[in-house]
Amino acid sequence: MSVQQTVTFKSAGKQLVGVIQRAGAPCGAGVVFAHGWSGYRVGPHGMFVHCARRLAIEGIPSLRFDFRGRGDSEGELEDASLITMAADMSPAVDCLIERTGANQVFLVGICSGAEVAFAAATCHSAIAGLALWSAPVFWADAAEGEEINTAEVASRKKRYYAAEYLRKLLRPETWSKLFSGRIQFGIVARVLLARRKSTTDIDSATTPQEWRRNVLREFAGFGGKVLGVYGAHDPTTGQALQWYQSLCTDYAIPYSHHLVQGANHSYYSLVWEREVMEKTLSWLKENR
């Protein structure tokens, strides 16, 4: 049986709150989870909690925490960006190592959290690998040197989710949830209405473009391995999968991927969720 412990640690002077999950003697490897832009430490539909418990059974301790401005951590959401989220990762890795004795750490992120894990790959010498769930393209076509149209991608994703919610409205079980109060309207609103604050206002010392270029340069020296997991029905899968695979090939970084057939961006099915977790666990056990 696994146990969990609430922990706090500092990042840029802000207190961050997280939960460490473990059971039995540690195996030497640990995991730090990175939640998405509009989420917090439990992950979508509690996915990080379920995965942390599954890892603990295998003797793999984990830390899932709230980035600055999210959940129970200090800070304001309007001050957050991928840059600040990536900066929170190194103190999180230190926290996991100090509390569990792990000697190598794997980062597991979903959506924007996967981008953060990618950006933080070289922030700490203990990081041995990245499991990127539904990672969007981090950078643009290297041949043209232009940044990807993130507004277009976000618009496409919102259209996709709006269509998904419309289809759900036609299902009898949806009306049952509506009348029983089980529909989480806050989550639906965040998915359809949320927009990111431009990172140009976050750090006057560097532009988002310069930061991303630095991330790419540093990633070329990453000595770990990368796993990409995608839902086959996620509208961003085709472009993103090709981008990460090509980048890792160019940098001679071992890369593997797994497609979850029928799955959407956040794996809203127990079957899809279980497949993601078991594939990730298998990959961790092979590479720890």
C-alpha atoms as a PDB file:
ATOM      1  CA  MET A   1       0.000   0.000   0.000  1.00  0.00           C
ATOM      2  CA  SER A   2       1.394   3.399  -0.954  1.00  0.00           C
ATOM      3  CA  VAL A   3       1.479   6.464   1.264  1.00  0.00           C
ATOM      4  CA  GLN A   4       1.457  10.120   0.328  1.00  0.00           C
ATOM      5  CA  GLN A   5       3.060  13.111   2.005  1.00  0.00           C
ATOM      6  CA  THR A   6       2.349  16.785   1.430  1.00  0.00           C
ATOM      7  CA  VAL A   7       5.555  18.765   0.911  1.00  0.00           C
ATOM      8  CA  THR A   8       6.517  22.374   0.264  1.00  0.00           C
ATOM      9  CA  PHE A   9       9.570  23.860  -1.396  1.00  0.00           C
ATOM     10  CA  LYS A  10      10.680  27.221  -2.756  1.00  0.00           C
ATOM     11  CA  SER A  11      11.024  28.428  -6.333  1.00  0.00           C
ATOM     12  CA  ALA A  12      11.945  32.050  -7.067  1.00  0.00           C
ATOM     13  CA  GLY A  13      10.929  32.943  -3.512  1.00  0.00           C
ATOM     14  CA  LYS A  14       7.456  31.409  -3.837  1.00  0.00           C
ATOM     15  CA  GLN A  15       6.305  28.441  -1.798  1.00  0.00           C
ATOM     16  CA  LEU A  16       5.148  25.558  -3.979  1.00  0.00           C
ATOM     17  CA  VAL A  17       2.980  22.739  -2.683  1.00  0.00           C
ATOM     18  CA  GLY A  18       3.216  19.135  -3.787  1.00  0.00           C
ATOM     19  CA  VAL A  19       2.528  15.538  -2.844  1.00  0.00           C
ATOM     20  CA  ILE A  20       5.093  12.738  -2.726  1.00  0.00           C
ATOM     21  CA  GLN A  21       3.758   9.232  -3.255  1.00  0.00           C
ATOM     22  CA  ARG A  22       5.789   6.122  -2.427  1.00  0.00           C
ATOM     23  CA  ALA A  23       5.612   2.588  -1.100  1.00  0.00           C
ATOM     24  CA  GLY A  24       8.322   0.205   0.059  1.00  0.00           C
ATOM     25  CA  ALA A  25      12.013   0.547  -0.713  1.00  0.00           C
ATOM     26  CA  PRO A  26      12.783   2.991  -3.545  1.00  0.00           C
ATOM     27  CA  CYS A  27      14.285   1.571  -6.727  1.00  0.00           C
ATOM     28  CA  GLY A  28      16.645   4.497  -7.313  1.00  0.00           C
ATOM     29  CA  ALA A  29      14.446   6.177  -9.924  1.00  0.00           C
ATOM     30  CA  GLY A  30      11.734   8.747  -9.272  1.00  0.00           C
ATOM     31  CA  VAL A  31       9.211  10.774 -11.262  1.00  0.00           C
ATOM     32  CA  VAL A  32       8.230  14.436 -11.211  1.00  0.00           C
ATOM     33  CA  PHE A  33       4.890  15.224 -12.864  1.00  0.00           C
ATOM     34  CA  ALA A  34       4.209  18.453 -14.755  1.00  0.00           C
ATOM     35  CA  HIS A  35       0.559  19.445 -15.107  1.00  0.00           C
ATOM     36  CA  GLY A  36      -0.890  21.412 -18.023  1.00  0.00           C
ATOM     37  CA  TRP A  37      -1.555  25.124 -18.343  1.00  0.00           C
ATOM     38  CA  SER A  38      -5.042  25.233 -16.817  1.00  0.00           C
ATOM     39  CA  GLY A  39      -4.593  22.266 -14.479  1.00  0.00           C
ATOM     40  CA  TYR A  40      -3.004  21.539 -11.137  1.00  0.00           C
ATOM     41  CA  ARG A  41      -1.154  18.682  -9.457  1.00  0.00           C
ATOM     42  CA  VAL A  42      -3.813  15.957  -9.801  1.00  0.00           C
ATOM     43  CA  GLY A  43      -3.690  16.098 -13.601  1.00  0.00           C
ATOM     44  CA  PRO A  44      -6.737  15.815 -15.882  1.00  0.00           C
ATOM     45  CA  HIS A  45      -9.461  13.614 -14.302  1.00  0.00           C
ATOM     46  CA  GLY A  46      -7.002  12.701 -11.514  1.00  0.00           C
ATOM     47  CA  MET A  47      -4.654  10.989 -13.950  1.00  0.00           C
ATOM     48  CA  PHE A  48      -1.463  11.950 -12.083  1.00  0.00           C
ATOM     49  CA  VAL A  49      -2.869  10.617  -8.814  1.00  0.00           C
ATOM     50  CA  HIS A  50      -3.719   7.274 -10.389  1.00  0.00           C
ATOM     51  CA  CYS A  51      -0.340   7.056 -12.092  1.00  0.00           C
ATOM     52  CA  ALA A  52       1.551   8.012  -8.918  1.00  0.00           C
ATOM     53  CA  ARG A  53      -0.162   5.212  -7.015  1.00  0.00           C
ATOM     54  CA  ARG A  54       0.631   2.751  -9.792  1.00  0.00           C
ATOM     55  CA  LEU A  55       4.293   3.803  -9.801  1.00  0.00           C
ATOM     56  CA  ALA A  56       4.525   3.502  -6.024  1.00  0.00           C
ATOM     57  CA  ILE A  57       3.486  -0.140  -6.219  1.00  0.00           C
ATOM     58  CA  GLU A  58       6.555  -0.684  -8.413  1.00  0.00           C
ATOM     59  CA  GLY A  59       8.782   1.111  -5.905  1.00  0.00           C
ATOM     60  CA  ILE A  60       9.012   4.306  -7.962  1.00  0.00           C
ATOM     61  CA  PRO A  61       8.398   7.407  -5.820  1.00  0.00           C
ATOM     62  CA  SER A  62       6.917  10.505  -7.429  1.00  0.00           C
ATOM     63  CA  LEU A  63       6.213  14.169  -6.840  1.00  0.00           C
ATOM     64  CA  ARG A  64       3.228  15.959  -8.310  1.00  0.00           C
ATOM     65  CA  PHE A  65       3.102  19.644  -7.491  1.00  0.00           C
ATOM     66  CA  ASP A  66       1.361  22.900  -8.336  1.00  0.00           C
ATOM     67  CA  PHE A  67       3.325  25.353 -10.447  1.00  0.00           C
ATOM     68  CA  ARG A  68       3.477  28.970  -9.317  1.00  0.00           C
ATOM     69  CA  GLY A  69       0.037  30.576  -9.430  1.00  0.00           C
ATOM     70  CA  ARG A  70      -1.779  27.221  -9.590  1.00  0.00           C
ATOM     71  CA  GLY A  71      -3.551  25.120  -6.976  1.00  0.00           C
ATOM     72  CA  ASP A  72      -2.170  25.652  -3.481  1.00  0.00           C
ATOM     73  CA  SER A  73       1.154  27.184  -4.546  1.00  0.00           C
ATOM     74  CA  GLU A  74       1.969  30.857  -4.091  1.00  0.00           C
ATOM     75  CA  GLY A  75       2.058  33.278  -7.000  1.00  0.00           C
ATOM     76  CA  GLU A  76      -0.405  34.791  -9.447  1.00  0.00           C
ATOM     77  CA  LEU A  77      -1.673  33.034 -12.536  1.00  0.00           C
ATOM     78  CA  GLU A  78      -1.277  36.168 -14.656  1.00  0.00           C
ATOM     79  CA  ASP A  79       2.456  36.144 -13.905  1.00  0.00           C
ATOM     80  CA  ALA A  80       2.886  32.565 -15.088  1.00  0.00           C
ATOM     81  CA  SER A  81       4.342  31.354 -18.380  1.00  0.00           C
ATOM     82  CA  LEU A  82       6.089  28.322 -19.784  1.00  0.00           C
ATOM     83  CA  ILE A  83       9.297  30.064 -18.701  1.00  0.00           C
ATOM     84  CA  THR A  84       8.278  30.272 -15.030  1.00  0.00           C
ATOM     85  CA  MET A  85       6.876  26.747 -15.123  1.00  0.00           C
ATOM     86  CA  ALA A  86      10.150  25.383 -16.491  1.00  0.00           C
ATOM     87  CA  ALA A  87      12.040  27.302 -13.781  1.00  0.00           C
ATOM     88  CA  ASP A  88       9.974  25.494 -11.127  1.00  0.00           C
ATOM     89  CA  MET A  89      11.151  22.075 -12.303  1.00  0.00           C
ATOM     90  CA  SER A  90      14.708  22.080 -10.929  1.00  0.00           C
ATOM     91  CA  PRO A  91      13.601  22.857  -7.332  1.00  0.00           C
ATOM     92  CA  ALA A  92      10.949  20.145  -7.736  1.00  0.00           C
ATOM     93  CA  VAL A  93      13.597  17.608  -8.767  1.00  0.00           C
ATOM     94  CA  ASP A  94      15.701  18.640  -5.760  1.00  0.00           C
ATOM     95  CA  CYS A  95      12.681  18.149  -3.492  1.00  0.00           C
ATOM     96  CA  LEU A  96      12.020  14.631  -4.786  1.00  0.00           C
ATOM     97  CA  ILE A  97      15.683  13.642  -4.405  1.00  0.00           C
ATOM     98  CA  GLU A  98      15.959  15.069  -0.893  1.00  0.00           C
ATOM     99  CA  ARG A  99      12.741  13.449   0.323  1.00  0.00           C
ATOM    100  CA  THR A 100      13.095  10.012  -1.317  1.00  0.00           C
ATOM    101  CA  GLY A 101      16.785   9.445  -2.057  1.00  0.00           C
ATOM    102  CA  ALA A 102      16.110   8.911  -5.767  1.00  0.00           C
ATOM    103  CA  ASN A 103      19.327   9.045  -7.778  1.00  0.00           C
ATOM    104  CA  GLN A 104      17.750   9.595 -11.161  1.00  0.00           C
ATOM    105  CA  VAL A 105      14.566  11.411 -12.128  1.00  0.00           C
ATOM    106  CA  PHE A 106      12.153  11.125 -15.024  1.00  0.00           C
ATOM    107  CA  LEU A 107       9.843  14.002 -15.937  1.00  0.00           C
ATOM    108  CA  VAL A 108       6.281  13.134 -16.948  1.00  0.00           C
ATOM    109  CA  GLY A 109       4.201  15.962 -18.396  1.00  0.00           C
ATOM    110  CA  ILE A 110       0.890  16.330 -20.197  1.00  0.00           C
ATOM    111  CA  CYS A 111      -0.011  18.983 -22.788  1.00  0.00           C
ATOM    112  CA  SER A 112       1.706  22.245 -21.751  1.00  0.00           C
ATOM    113  CA  GLY A 113       3.302  20.311 -18.908  1.00  0.00           C
ATOM    114  CA  ALA A 114       4.986  18.131 -21.541  1.00  0.00           C
ATOM    115  CA  GLU A 115       6.404  21.289 -23.127  1.00  0.00           C
ATOM    116  CA  VAL A 116       7.668  22.303 -19.694  1.00  0.00           C
ATOM    117  CA  ALA A 117       9.292  18.894 -19.174  1.00  0.00           C
ATOM    118  CA  PHE A 118      10.952  19.241 -22.580  1.00  0.00           C
ATOM    119  CA  ALA A 119      12.197  22.731 -21.747  1.00  0.00           C
ATOM    120  CA  ALA A 120      13.542  21.551 -18.369  1.00  0.00           C
ATOM    121  CA  ALA A 121      15.264  18.422 -19.687  1.00  0.00           C
ATOM    122  CA  THR A 122      18.759  19.756 -19.030  1.00  0.00           C
ATOM    123  CA  CYS A 123      17.986  21.841 -15.930  1.00  0.00           C
ATOM    124  CA  HIS A 124      19.228  19.157 -13.532  1.00  0.00           C
ATOM    125  CA  SER A 125      21.930  16.504 -13.899  1.00  0.00           C
ATOM    126  CA  ALA A 126      19.680  13.849 -12.307  1.00  0.00           C
ATOM    127  CA  ILE A 127      17.098  13.972 -15.124  1.00  0.00           C
ATOM    128  CA  ALA A 128      17.366  10.721 -17.085  1.00  0.00           C
ATOM    129  CA  GLY A 129      14.338  10.824 -19.343  1.00  0.00           C
ATOM    130  CA  LEU A 130      11.093  12.483 -20.422  1.00  0.00           C
ATOM    131  CA  ALA A 131       7.660  10.941 -20.877  1.00  0.00           C
ATOM    132  CA  LEU A 132       5.693  13.479 -22.899  1.00  0.00           C
ATOM    133  CA  TRP A 133       1.942  12.919 -23.001  1.00  0.00           C
ATOM    134  CA  SER A 134       0.137  14.873 -25.760  1.00  0.00           C
ATOM    135  CA  ALA A 135       3.054  17.286 -26.147  1.00  0.00           C
ATOM    136  CA  PRO A 136       2.311  20.162 -28.560  1.00  0.00           C
ATOM    137  CA  VAL A 137       4.989  21.343 -30.972  1.00  0.00           C
ATOM    138  CA  PHE A 138       7.467  23.389 -28.963  1.00  0.00           C
ATOM    139  CA  TRP A 139       9.101  25.136 -31.886  1.00  0.00           C
ATOM    140  CA  ALA A 140       8.467  25.894 -35.550  1.00  0.00           C
ATOM    141  CA  ASP A 141       9.778  24.627 -38.854  1.00  0.00           C
ATOM    142  CA  ALA A 142      13.545  24.778 -38.370  1.00  0.00           C
ATOM    143  CA  ALA A 143      14.043  25.182 -42.094  1.00  0.00           C
ATOM    144  CA  GLU A 144      12.168  28.474 -42.113  1.00  0.00           C
ATOM    145  CA  GLY A 145      13.116  29.565 -38.602  1.00  0.00           C
ATOM    146  CA  GLU A 146       9.594  30.791 -37.957  1.00  0.00           C
ATOM    147  CA  GLU A 147       7.582  30.071 -34.860  1.00  0.00           C
ATOM    148  CA  ILE A 148       4.504  27.887 -35.183  1.00  0.00           C
ATOM    149  CA  ASN A 149       1.163  29.679 -35.296  1.00  0.00           C
ATOM    150  CA  THR A 150       0.094  28.882 -31.732  1.00  0.00           C
ATOM    151  CA  ALA A 151      -3.127  30.867 -32.112  1.00  0.00           C
ATOM    152  CA  GLU A 152      -4.148  28.663 -35.040  1.00  0.00           C
ATOM    153  CA  VAL A 153      -3.302  25.487 -33.109  1.00  0.00           C
ATOM    154  CA  ALA A 154      -5.229  26.697 -30.035  1.00  0.00           C
ATOM    155  CA  SER A 155      -8.217  27.618 -32.210  1.00  0.00           C
ATOM    156  CA  ARG A 156      -8.185  24.197 -33.860  1.00  0.00           C
ATOM    157  CA  LYS A 157      -8.063  22.449 -30.477  1.00  0.00           C
ATOM    158  CA  LYS A 158     -10.953  24.559 -29.120  1.00  0.00           C
ATOM    159  CA  ARG A 159     -13.065  23.709 -32.187  1.00  0.00           C
ATOM    160  CA  TYR A 160     -12.282  20.044 -31.605  1.00  0.00           C
ATOM    161  CA  TYR A 161     -13.267  20.165 -27.922  1.00  0.00           C
ATOM    162  CA  ALA A 162     -16.416  22.181 -28.700  1.00  0.00           C
ATOM    163  CA  ALA A 163     -17.459  19.461 -31.149  1.00  0.00           C
ATOM    164  CA  GLU A 164     -16.706  16.788 -28.533  1.00  0.00           C
ATOM    165  CA  TYR A 165     -18.876  18.538 -25.934  1.00  0.00           C
ATOM    166  CA  LEU A 166     -21.667  18.973 -28.500  1.00  0.00           C
ATOM    167  CA  ARG A 167     -21.612  15.258 -29.256  1.00  0.00           C
ATOM    168  CA  LYS A 168     -21.741  14.498 -25.533  1.00  0.00           C
ATOM    169  CA  LEU A 169     -24.881  16.654 -25.200  1.00  0.00           C
ATOM    170  CA  LEU A 170     -26.684  14.140 -27.399  1.00  0.00           C
ATOM    171  CA  ARG A 171     -25.915  11.234 -25.067  1.00  0.00           C
ATOM    172  CA  PRO A 172     -28.478  10.168 -22.395  1.00  0.00           C
ATOM    173  CA  GLU A 173     -25.743   9.731 -19.763  1.00  0.00           C
ATOM    174  CA  THR A 174     -24.808  13.410 -20.161  1.00  0.00           C
ATOM    175  CA  TRP A 175     -28.308  14.532 -19.176  1.00  0.00           C
ATOM    176  CA  SER A 176     -28.161  12.150 -16.217  1.00  0.00           C
ATOM    177  CA  LYS A 177     -24.940  13.819 -15.050  1.00  0.00           C
ATOM    178  CA  LEU A 178     -26.479  17.262 -15.610  1.00  0.00           C
ATOM    179  CA  PHE A 179     -29.461  16.632 -13.359  1.00  0.00           C
ATOM    180  CA  SER A 180     -27.340  14.923 -10.703  1.00  0.00           C
ATOM    181  CA  GLY A 181     -24.875  17.830 -10.607  1.00  0.00           C
ATOM    182  CA  ARG A 182     -21.892  15.746 -11.770  1.00  0.00           C
ATOM    183  CA  ILE A 183     -20.908  17.908 -14.759  1.00  0.00           C
ATOM    184  CA  GLN A 184     -17.900  20.092 -13.923  1.00  0.00           C
ATOM    185  CA  PHE A 185     -18.806  23.314 -15.724  1.00  0.00           C
ATOM    186  CA  GLY A 186     -15.648  25.049 -14.505  1.00  0.00           C
ATOM    187  CA  ILE A 187     -13.447  22.596 -16.359  1.00  0.00           C
ATOM    188  CA  VAL A 188     -15.530  22.898 -19.534  1.00  0.00           C
ATOM    189  CA  ALA A 189     -15.287  26.699 -19.373  1.00  0.00           C
ATOM    190  CA  ARG A 190     -11.506  26.634 -18.866  1.00  0.00           C
ATOM    191  CA  VAL A 191     -11.043  24.359 -21.888  1.00  0.00           C
ATOM    192  CA  LEU A 192     -13.208  26.485 -24.197  1.00  0.00           C
ATOM    193  CA  LEU A 193     -12.417  29.984 -22.914  1.00  0.00           C
ATOM    194  CA  ALA A 194      -8.926  29.888 -21.392  1.00  0.00           C
ATOM    195  CA  ARG A 195      -6.224  31.893 -23.111  1.00  0.00           C
ATOM    196  CA  ARG A 196      -2.555  32.186 -22.262  1.00  0.00           C
ATOM    197  CA  LYS A 197      -0.911  35.381 -21.162  1.00  0.00           C
ATOM    198  CA  SER A 198       1.800  36.403 -23.592  1.00  0.00           C
ATOM    199  CA  THR A 199       5.200  35.504 -22.189  1.00  0.00           C
ATOM    200  CA  THR A 200       6.659  38.729 -23.627  1.00  0.00           C
ATOM    201  CA  ASP A 201       5.424  40.457 -20.460  1.00  0.00           C
ATOM    202  CA  ILE A 202       7.028  37.913 -18.138  1.00  0.00           C
ATOM    203  CA  ASP A 203      10.755  38.363 -18.464  1.00  0.00           C
ATOM    204  CA  SER A 204      12.218  41.571 -19.854  1.00  0.00           C
ATOM    205  CA  ALA A 205      15.694  39.993 -19.997  1.00  0.00           C
ATOM    206  CA  THR A 206      14.750  37.566 -22.754  1.00  0.00           C
ATOM    207  CA  THR A 207      12.017  37.203 -25.341  1.00  0.00           C
ATOM    208  CA  PRO A 208      10.026  33.968 -25.632  1.00  0.00           C
ATOM    209  CA  GLN A 209      11.764  33.349 -28.961  1.00  0.00           C
ATOM    210  CA  GLU A 210      15.215  33.694 -27.403  1.00  0.00           C
ATOM    211  CA  TRP A 211      14.207  31.447 -24.529  1.00  0.00           C
ATOM    212  CA  ARG A 212      12.943  28.765 -26.898  1.00  0.00           C
ATOM    213  CA  ARG A 213      16.135  28.953 -28.962  1.00  0.00           C
ATOM    214  CA  ASN A 214      18.164  28.479 -25.797  1.00  0.00           C
ATOM    215  CA  VAL A 215      16.025  25.484 -24.859  1.00  0.00           C
ATOM    216  CA  LEU A 216      16.662  23.896 -28.251  1.00  0.00           C
ATOM    217  CA  ARG A 217      20.404  24.494 -28.058  1.00  0.00           C
ATOM    218  CA  GLU A 218      20.561  22.970 -24.587  1.00  0.00           C
ATOM    219  CA  PHE A 219      18.338  20.030 -25.521  1.00  0.00           C
ATOM    220  CA  ALA A 220      20.900  19.004 -28.132  1.00  0.00           C
ATOM    221  CA  GLY A 221      23.104  17.937 -25.229  1.00  0.00           C
ATOM    222  CA  PHE A 222      20.422  15.970 -23.373  1.00  0.00           C
ATOM    223  CA  GLY A 223      21.785  12.573 -22.375  1.00  0.00           C
ATOM    224  CA  GLY A 224      18.485  10.887 -21.551  1.00  0.00           C
ATOM    225  CA  LYS A 225      15.691   9.202 -23.480  1.00  0.00           C
ATOM    226  CA  VAL A 226      12.287  10.442 -24.604  1.00  0.00           C
ATOM    227  CA  LEU A 227       8.905   8.756 -24.837  1.00  0.00           C
ATOM    228  CA  GLY A 228       6.047  10.409 -26.706  1.00  0.00           C
ATOM    229  CA  VAL A 229       2.465   9.285 -26.007  1.00  0.00           C
ATOM    230  CA  TYR A 230      -0.412  10.590 -28.109  1.00  0.00           C
ATOM    231  CA  GLY A 231      -4.101  10.005 -28.628  1.00  0.00           C
ATOM    232  CA  ALA A 232      -4.859   8.962 -32.175  1.00  0.00           C
ATOM    233  CA  HIS A 233      -7.858  11.350 -32.232  1.00  0.00           C
ATOM    234  CA  ASP A 234      -5.963  14.329 -30.819  1.00  0.00           C
ATOM    235  CA  PRO A 235      -5.908  16.997 -33.580  1.00  0.00           C
ATOM    236  CA  THR A 236      -2.304  17.965 -32.736  1.00  0.00           C
ATOM    237  CA  THR A 237      -0.868  14.433 -32.843  1.00  0.00           C
ATOM    238  CA  GLY A 238       0.319  14.197 -36.445  1.00  0.00           C
ATOM    239  CA  GLN A 239       2.379  17.387 -36.532  1.00  0.00           C
ATOM    240  CA  ALA A 240       3.669  17.120 -32.970  1.00  0.00           C
ATOM    241  CA  LEU A 241       4.714  13.477 -33.199  1.00  0.00           C
ATOM    242  CA  GLN A 242       6.663  14.126 -36.393  1.00  0.00           C
ATOM    243  CA  TRP A 243       8.333  17.201 -34.893  1.00  0.00           C
ATOM    244  CA  TYR A 244       9.631  15.528 -31.712  1.00  0.00           C
ATOM    245  CA  GLN A 245      10.683  12.401 -33.564  1.00  0.00           C
ATOM    246  CA  SER A 246      12.651  14.419 -36.132  1.00  0.00           C
ATOM    247  CA  LEU A 247      14.273  16.605 -33.491  1.00  0.00           C
ATOM    248  CA  CYS A 248      15.418  13.653 -31.382  1.00  0.00           C
ATOM    249  CA  THR A 249      16.732  11.899 -34.493  1.00  0.00           C
ATOM    250  CA  ASP A 250      18.718  14.995 -35.473  1.00  0.00           C
ATOM    251  CA  TYR A 251      20.170  15.225 -31.958  1.00  0.00           C
ATOM    252  CA  ALA A 252      20.800  11.453 -31.691  1.00  0.00           C
ATOM    253  CA  ILE A 253      18.531  11.265 -28.627  1.00  0.00           C
ATOM    254  CA  PRO A 254      16.744   7.905 -28.226  1.00  0.00           C
ATOM    255  CA  TYR A 255      13.036   8.450 -28.944  1.00  0.00           C
ATOM    256  CA  SER A 256      10.068   6.099 -28.937  1.00  0.00           C
ATOM    257  CA  HIS A 257       6.367   6.784 -29.213  1.00  0.00           C
ATOM    258  CA  HIS A 258       3.040   5.148 -28.559  1.00  0.00           C
ATOM    259  CA  LEU A 259      -0.369   5.916 -30.072  1.00  0.00           C
ATOM    260  CA  VAL A 260      -3.476   5.276 -27.999  1.00  0.00           C
ATOM    261  CA  GLN A 261      -6.099   4.303 -30.538  1.00  0.00           C
ATOM    262  CA  GLY A 262      -9.354   6.251 -30.320  1.00  0.00           C
ATOM    263  CA  ALA A 263      -8.033   8.513 -27.539  1.00  0.00           C
ATOM    264  CA  ASN A 264      -8.451  12.268 -27.312  1.00  0.00           C
ATOM    265  CA  HIS A 265      -5.950  14.823 -26.008  1.00  0.00           C
ATOM    266  CA  SER A 266      -6.500  14.131 -22.294  1.00  0.00           C
ATOM    267  CA  TYR A 267      -7.375  10.402 -22.419  1.00  0.00           C
ATOM    268  CA  TYR A 268     -10.889  10.735 -20.987  1.00  0.00           C
ATOM    269  CA  SER A 269     -11.506   7.012 -20.681  1.00  0.00           C
ATOM    270  CA  LEU A 270     -10.359   4.529 -18.048  1.00  0.00           C
ATOM    271  CA  VAL A 271      -9.128   2.248 -20.830  1.00  0.00           C
ATOM    272  CA  TRP A 272      -7.111   5.025 -22.480  1.00  0.00           C
ATOM    273  CA  GLU A 273      -5.766   6.250 -19.148  1.00  0.00           C
ATOM    274  CA  ARG A 274      -4.679   2.744 -18.156  1.00  0.00           C
ATOM    275  CA  GLU A 275      -2.903   2.254 -21.488  1.00  0.00           C
ATOM    276  CA  VAL A 276      -0.980   5.513 -21.077  1.00  0.00           C
ATOM    277  CA  MET A 277       0.066   4.609 -17.537  1.00  0.00           C
ATOM    278  CA  GLU A 278       1.092   1.040 -18.327  1.00  0.00           C
ATOM    279  CA  LYS A 279       3.082   2.089 -21.397  1.00  0.00           C
ATOM    280  CA  THR A 280       4.837   4.790 -19.380  1.00  0.00           C
ATOM    281  CA  LEU A 281       5.569   2.403 -16.512  1.00  0.00           C
ATOM    282  CA  SER A 282       6.979  -0.195 -18.894  1.00  0.00           C
ATOM    283  CA  TRP A 283       9.203   2.447 -20.486  1.00  0.00           C
ATOM    284  CA  LEU A 284      10.398   3.677 -17.074  1.00  0.00           C
ATOM    285  CA  LYS A 285      11.300   0.165 -15.939  1.00  0.00           C
ATOM    286  CA  GLU A 286      13.252  -0.430 -19.148  1.00  0.00           C
ATOM    287  CA  ASN A 287      15.253   2.790 -18.854  1.00  0.00           C
ATOM    288  CA  ARG A 288      15.799   3.399 -15.134  1.00  0.00           C
END
